[in-house]
């Protein structure tokens, strides 16, 4: 019922069959993994990994930690938001 040309244009864009709206996303906030280290690490690397190595990835919110555990497993923790699934909607005009 609007006469606003900007809103009418927006409605026309929404109703085009090739356009869709991202309506829902599923995100993972990070993950942990452990790997068995089969070979003895050089002393310097073992000492450094026992203390833990931490660094940022692309942005300051994307953090990685690598730690050598006492059972000779390498623990890796990644704190990053990954979008793993998205739900899209196609809109259509309802006739009254």
N, C-alpha and C. Protein backbone atom coordinates (compact mmCIF):
# COMPACT_ATOMS: atom_id res chain seq x y z
N UNK A 1 0.82 -1.21 0.00
CA UNK A 1 0.00 0.00 0.00
C UNK A 1 0.86 1.27 0.00
N UNK A 2 2.17 1.11 0.10
CA UNK A 2 3.05 2.28 0.16
C UNK A 2 3.19 2.93 -1.22
N UNK A 3 3.46 4.19 -1.19
CA UNK A 3 3.75 4.93 -2.43
C UNK A 3 5.24 5.31 -2.49
N UNK A 4 6.00 4.93 -1.47
CA UNK A 4 7.42 5.24 -1.39
C UNK A 4 8.17 4.48 -2.48
N UNK A 5 8.80 5.18 -3.38
CA UNK A 5 9.45 4.53 -4.53
C UNK A 5 10.61 3.63 -4.11
N UNK A 6 11.30 3.98 -3.04
CA UNK A 6 12.41 3.14 -2.57
C UNK A 6 11.88 1.80 -2.05
N UNK A 7 10.77 1.83 -1.31
CA UNK A 7 10.18 0.60 -0.80
C UNK A 7 9.59 -0.24 -1.92
N UNK A 8 8.99 0.40 -2.89
CA UNK A 8 8.44 -0.34 -4.04
C UNK A 8 9.57 -1.03 -4.80
N UNK A 9 10.67 -0.32 -4.99
CA UNK A 9 11.83 -0.92 -5.67
C UNK A 9 12.39 -2.10 -4.87
N UNK A 10 12.48 -1.95 -3.55
CA UNK A 10 12.97 -3.03 -2.68
C UNK A 10 12.06 -4.25 -2.80
N UNK A 11 10.74 -4.03 -2.80
CA UNK A 11 9.79 -5.13 -2.95
C UNK A 11 9.98 -5.84 -4.29
N UNK A 12 10.19 -5.08 -5.34
CA UNK A 12 10.40 -5.68 -6.67
C UNK A 12 11.66 -6.54 -6.67
N UNK A 13 12.71 -6.08 -6.02
CA UNK A 13 13.94 -6.86 -5.93
C UNK A 13 13.72 -8.16 -5.15
N UNK A 14 12.99 -8.08 -4.04
CA UNK A 14 12.72 -9.26 -3.23
C UNK A 14 11.91 -10.31 -3.97
N UNK A 15 11.04 -9.87 -4.84
CA UNK A 15 10.13 -10.80 -5.52
C UNK A 15 10.70 -11.39 -6.80
N UNK A 16 11.88 -10.96 -7.22
CA UNK A 16 12.50 -11.56 -8.40
C UNK A 16 12.88 -13.00 -8.07
N UNK A 17 12.55 -13.95 -8.94
CA UNK A 17 12.83 -15.37 -8.65
C UNK A 17 14.30 -15.68 -8.40
N UNK A 18 15.20 -14.94 -9.00
CA UNK A 18 16.63 -15.24 -8.83
C UNK A 18 17.21 -14.70 -7.52
N UNK A 19 16.45 -13.92 -6.80
CA UNK A 19 16.91 -13.38 -5.53
C UNK A 19 16.41 -14.24 -4.37
N UNK A 20 17.21 -14.34 -3.35
CA UNK A 20 16.82 -15.10 -2.16
C UNK A 20 17.38 -14.39 -0.94
N UNK A 21 16.79 -14.66 0.20
CA UNK A 21 17.26 -14.11 1.47
C UNK A 21 17.92 -15.20 2.29
N UNK A 22 19.05 -14.87 2.90
CA UNK A 22 19.66 -15.79 3.86
C UNK A 22 18.87 -15.65 5.15
N UNK A 23 18.13 -16.69 5.49
CA UNK A 23 17.20 -16.60 6.61
C UNK A 23 17.73 -17.22 7.89
N UNK A 24 18.66 -18.15 7.76
CA UNK A 24 19.14 -18.86 8.94
C UNK A 24 20.56 -19.34 8.68
N UNK A 25 21.40 -19.26 9.69
CA UNK A 25 22.75 -19.82 9.58
C UNK A 25 23.03 -20.67 10.81
N UNK A 26 23.86 -21.66 10.62
CA UNK A 26 24.35 -22.47 11.72
C UNK A 26 25.84 -22.25 11.77
N UNK A 27 26.34 -21.88 12.94
CA UNK A 27 27.74 -21.56 13.07
C UNK A 27 28.41 -22.45 14.11
N UNK A 28 29.67 -22.75 13.85
CA UNK A 28 30.51 -23.49 14.78
C UNK A 28 31.48 -22.48 15.36
N UNK A 29 31.64 -22.48 16.66
CA UNK A 29 32.48 -21.49 17.32
C UNK A 29 33.93 -21.93 17.47
N UNK A 30 34.29 -23.05 16.92
CA UNK A 30 35.65 -23.54 17.01
C UNK A 30 35.66 -25.03 17.23
N UNK A 31 36.85 -25.58 17.40
CA UNK A 31 36.95 -27.02 17.63
C UNK A 31 38.26 -27.35 18.33
N UNK A 32 38.30 -28.53 18.93
CA UNK A 32 39.50 -29.08 19.56
C UNK A 32 39.82 -30.39 18.87
N UNK A 33 41.10 -30.69 18.76
CA UNK A 33 41.52 -31.97 18.19
C UNK A 33 42.82 -32.40 18.87
N UNK A 34 43.03 -33.71 18.92
CA UNK A 34 44.28 -34.24 19.46
C UNK A 34 44.87 -35.22 18.46
N UNK A 35 46.17 -35.14 18.30
CA UNK A 35 46.91 -36.01 17.39
C UNK A 35 48.05 -36.67 18.14
N UNK A 36 48.27 -37.93 17.91
CA UNK A 36 49.40 -38.64 18.53
C UNK A 36 50.67 -38.26 17.78
N UNK A 37 51.69 -37.89 18.53
CA UNK A 37 53.00 -37.58 17.95
C UNK A 37 53.80 -38.88 17.97
N UNK A 38 54.11 -39.42 16.79
CA UNK A 38 54.76 -40.74 16.71
C UNK A 38 56.28 -40.67 16.84
N UNK A 39 56.86 -39.52 16.52
CA UNK A 39 58.31 -39.38 16.60
C UNK A 39 58.66 -38.42 17.73
N UNK A 40 59.84 -38.59 18.25
CA UNK A 40 60.35 -37.68 19.28
C UNK A 40 60.64 -36.33 18.63
N UNK A 41 60.10 -35.28 19.24
CA UNK A 41 60.34 -33.94 18.71
C UNK A 41 61.71 -33.44 19.14
N UNK A 42 62.35 -32.59 18.34
CA UNK A 42 63.60 -31.97 18.77
C UNK A 42 63.37 -31.21 20.08
N UNK A 43 64.37 -31.17 20.93
CA UNK A 43 64.26 -30.59 22.27
C UNK A 43 63.67 -29.19 22.30
N UNK A 44 64.11 -28.34 21.39
CA UNK A 44 63.63 -26.95 21.37
C UNK A 44 62.13 -26.91 21.06
N UNK A 45 61.69 -27.70 20.08
CA UNK A 45 60.28 -27.73 19.70
C UNK A 45 59.43 -28.34 20.81
N UNK A 46 59.94 -29.40 21.42
CA UNK A 46 59.20 -30.05 22.51
C UNK A 46 59.00 -29.08 23.67
N UNK A 47 60.05 -28.36 24.03
CA UNK A 47 59.97 -27.41 25.14
C UNK A 47 58.97 -26.30 24.83
N UNK A 48 59.02 -25.79 23.60
CA UNK A 48 58.12 -24.72 23.20
C UNK A 48 56.66 -25.20 23.18
N UNK A 49 56.42 -26.39 22.64
CA UNK A 49 55.06 -26.91 22.56
C UNK A 49 54.52 -27.33 23.92
N UNK A 50 55.41 -27.72 24.85
CA UNK A 50 54.97 -28.07 26.20
C UNK A 50 54.43 -26.83 26.91
N UNK A 51 55.04 -25.68 26.65
CA UNK A 51 54.54 -24.41 27.20
C UNK A 51 53.27 -23.96 26.47
N UNK A 52 53.16 -24.34 25.23
CA UNK A 52 52.00 -23.95 24.41
C UNK A 52 52.37 -22.84 23.44
N UNK A 53 51.86 -22.97 22.25
CA UNK A 53 52.05 -21.95 21.22
C UNK A 53 50.67 -21.40 20.90
N UNK A 54 50.52 -20.09 20.96
CA UNK A 54 49.24 -19.43 20.73
C UNK A 54 49.43 -18.31 19.73
N UNK A 55 48.51 -18.20 18.79
CA UNK A 55 48.61 -17.13 17.80
C UNK A 55 47.22 -16.82 17.26
N UNK A 56 47.10 -15.64 16.68
CA UNK A 56 45.86 -15.20 16.05
C UNK A 56 45.92 -15.51 14.57
N UNK A 57 44.77 -15.84 14.03
CA UNK A 57 44.69 -16.08 12.59
C UNK A 57 44.37 -14.75 11.91
N UNK A 58 43.43 -14.71 11.01
CA UNK A 58 43.13 -13.52 10.20
C UNK A 58 42.74 -12.30 11.01
N UNK A 59 41.96 -12.48 12.04
CA UNK A 59 41.55 -11.33 12.85
C UNK A 59 41.87 -11.61 14.31
N UNK A 60 41.73 -10.61 15.12
CA UNK A 60 42.08 -10.78 16.53
C UNK A 60 41.15 -11.75 17.25
N UNK A 61 39.98 -12.04 16.70
CA UNK A 61 39.03 -12.96 17.32
C UNK A 61 39.31 -14.43 16.97
N UNK A 62 40.12 -14.67 15.97
CA UNK A 62 40.42 -16.02 15.51
C UNK A 62 41.72 -16.49 16.15
N UNK A 63 41.63 -17.32 17.19
CA UNK A 63 42.80 -17.71 17.97
C UNK A 63 43.04 -19.21 17.90
N UNK A 64 44.32 -19.59 17.82
CA UNK A 64 44.74 -20.99 17.75
C UNK A 64 45.72 -21.26 18.89
N UNK A 65 45.55 -22.42 19.52
CA UNK A 65 46.49 -22.85 20.55
C UNK A 65 46.96 -24.26 20.25
N UNK A 66 48.26 -24.49 20.37
CA UNK A 66 48.85 -25.81 20.16
C UNK A 66 49.65 -26.15 21.40
N UNK A 67 49.37 -27.34 21.97
CA UNK A 67 49.99 -27.73 23.23
C UNK A 67 50.36 -29.20 23.18
N UNK A 68 51.58 -29.52 23.57
CA UNK A 68 52.02 -30.91 23.66
C UNK A 68 51.65 -31.43 25.05
N UNK A 69 50.80 -32.46 25.09
CA UNK A 69 50.36 -33.03 26.35
C UNK A 69 51.34 -34.07 26.85
N UNK A 70 51.23 -34.44 28.12
CA UNK A 70 52.17 -35.40 28.72
C UNK A 70 52.06 -36.80 28.11
N UNK A 71 50.93 -37.13 27.51
CA UNK A 71 50.77 -38.45 26.89
C UNK A 71 51.22 -38.47 25.42
N UNK A 72 52.06 -37.51 25.06
CA UNK A 72 52.65 -37.38 23.73
C UNK A 72 51.59 -37.14 22.64
N UNK A 73 50.55 -36.41 23.02
CA UNK A 73 49.53 -36.00 22.06
C UNK A 73 49.62 -34.49 21.87
N UNK A 74 49.39 -34.08 20.66
CA UNK A 74 49.37 -32.67 20.32
C UNK A 74 47.92 -32.20 20.36
N UNK A 75 47.62 -31.28 21.25
CA UNK A 75 46.25 -30.74 21.40
C UNK A 75 46.18 -29.42 20.64
N UNK A 76 45.22 -29.34 19.72
CA UNK A 76 45.04 -28.12 18.92
C UNK A 76 43.64 -27.59 19.19
N UNK A 77 43.56 -26.31 19.51
CA UNK A 77 42.28 -25.66 19.75
C UNK A 77 42.18 -24.45 18.83
N UNK A 78 41.10 -24.40 18.07
CA UNK A 78 40.85 -23.28 17.17
C UNK A 78 39.57 -22.58 17.63
N UNK A 79 39.69 -21.31 17.96
CA UNK A 79 38.52 -20.50 18.32
C UNK A 79 38.24 -19.55 17.16
N UNK A 80 37.31 -19.94 16.35
CA UNK A 80 36.95 -19.17 15.16
C UNK A 80 35.50 -19.48 14.83
N UNK A 81 34.78 -18.51 14.35
CA UNK A 81 33.39 -18.74 13.96
C UNK A 81 33.37 -19.19 12.50
N UNK A 82 32.83 -20.38 12.28
CA UNK A 82 32.66 -20.92 10.94
C UNK A 82 31.17 -21.03 10.64
N UNK A 83 30.73 -20.50 9.53
CA UNK A 83 29.36 -20.71 9.09
C UNK A 83 29.34 -22.00 8.30
N UNK A 84 28.60 -22.98 8.78
CA UNK A 84 28.63 -24.31 8.16
C UNK A 84 27.34 -24.65 7.42
N UNK A 85 26.29 -23.88 7.62
CA UNK A 85 25.02 -24.20 6.98
C UNK A 85 24.20 -22.93 6.88
N UNK A 86 23.54 -22.74 5.77
CA UNK A 86 22.67 -21.59 5.61
C UNK A 86 21.34 -22.01 5.02
N UNK A 87 20.28 -21.37 5.47
CA UNK A 87 18.96 -21.63 4.92
C UNK A 87 18.49 -20.40 4.17
N UNK A 88 18.06 -20.60 2.95
CA UNK A 88 17.64 -19.48 2.11
C UNK A 88 16.13 -19.53 1.87
N UNK A 89 15.53 -18.37 1.72
CA UNK A 89 14.11 -18.27 1.40
C UNK A 89 13.94 -17.56 0.08
N UNK A 90 13.03 -18.05 -0.72
CA UNK A 90 12.61 -17.31 -1.91
C UNK A 90 11.25 -16.71 -1.57
N UNK A 91 11.10 -15.45 -1.84
CA UNK A 91 9.86 -14.76 -1.51
C UNK A 91 8.93 -14.72 -2.72
N UNK A 92 7.64 -14.76 -2.46
CA UNK A 92 6.68 -14.61 -3.54
C UNK A 92 5.55 -13.75 -3.03
N UNK A 93 4.93 -13.07 -3.93
CA UNK A 93 3.83 -12.18 -3.57
C UNK A 93 2.57 -12.99 -3.31
N UNK A 94 1.91 -12.65 -2.24
CA UNK A 94 0.66 -13.32 -1.89
C UNK A 94 -0.49 -12.53 -2.50
N UNK A 95 -1.32 -13.21 -3.27
CA UNK A 95 -2.48 -12.56 -3.88
C UNK A 95 -3.62 -12.51 -2.86
N UNK A 96 -4.23 -11.35 -2.74
CA UNK A 96 -5.34 -11.19 -1.81
C UNK A 96 -6.66 -11.31 -2.52
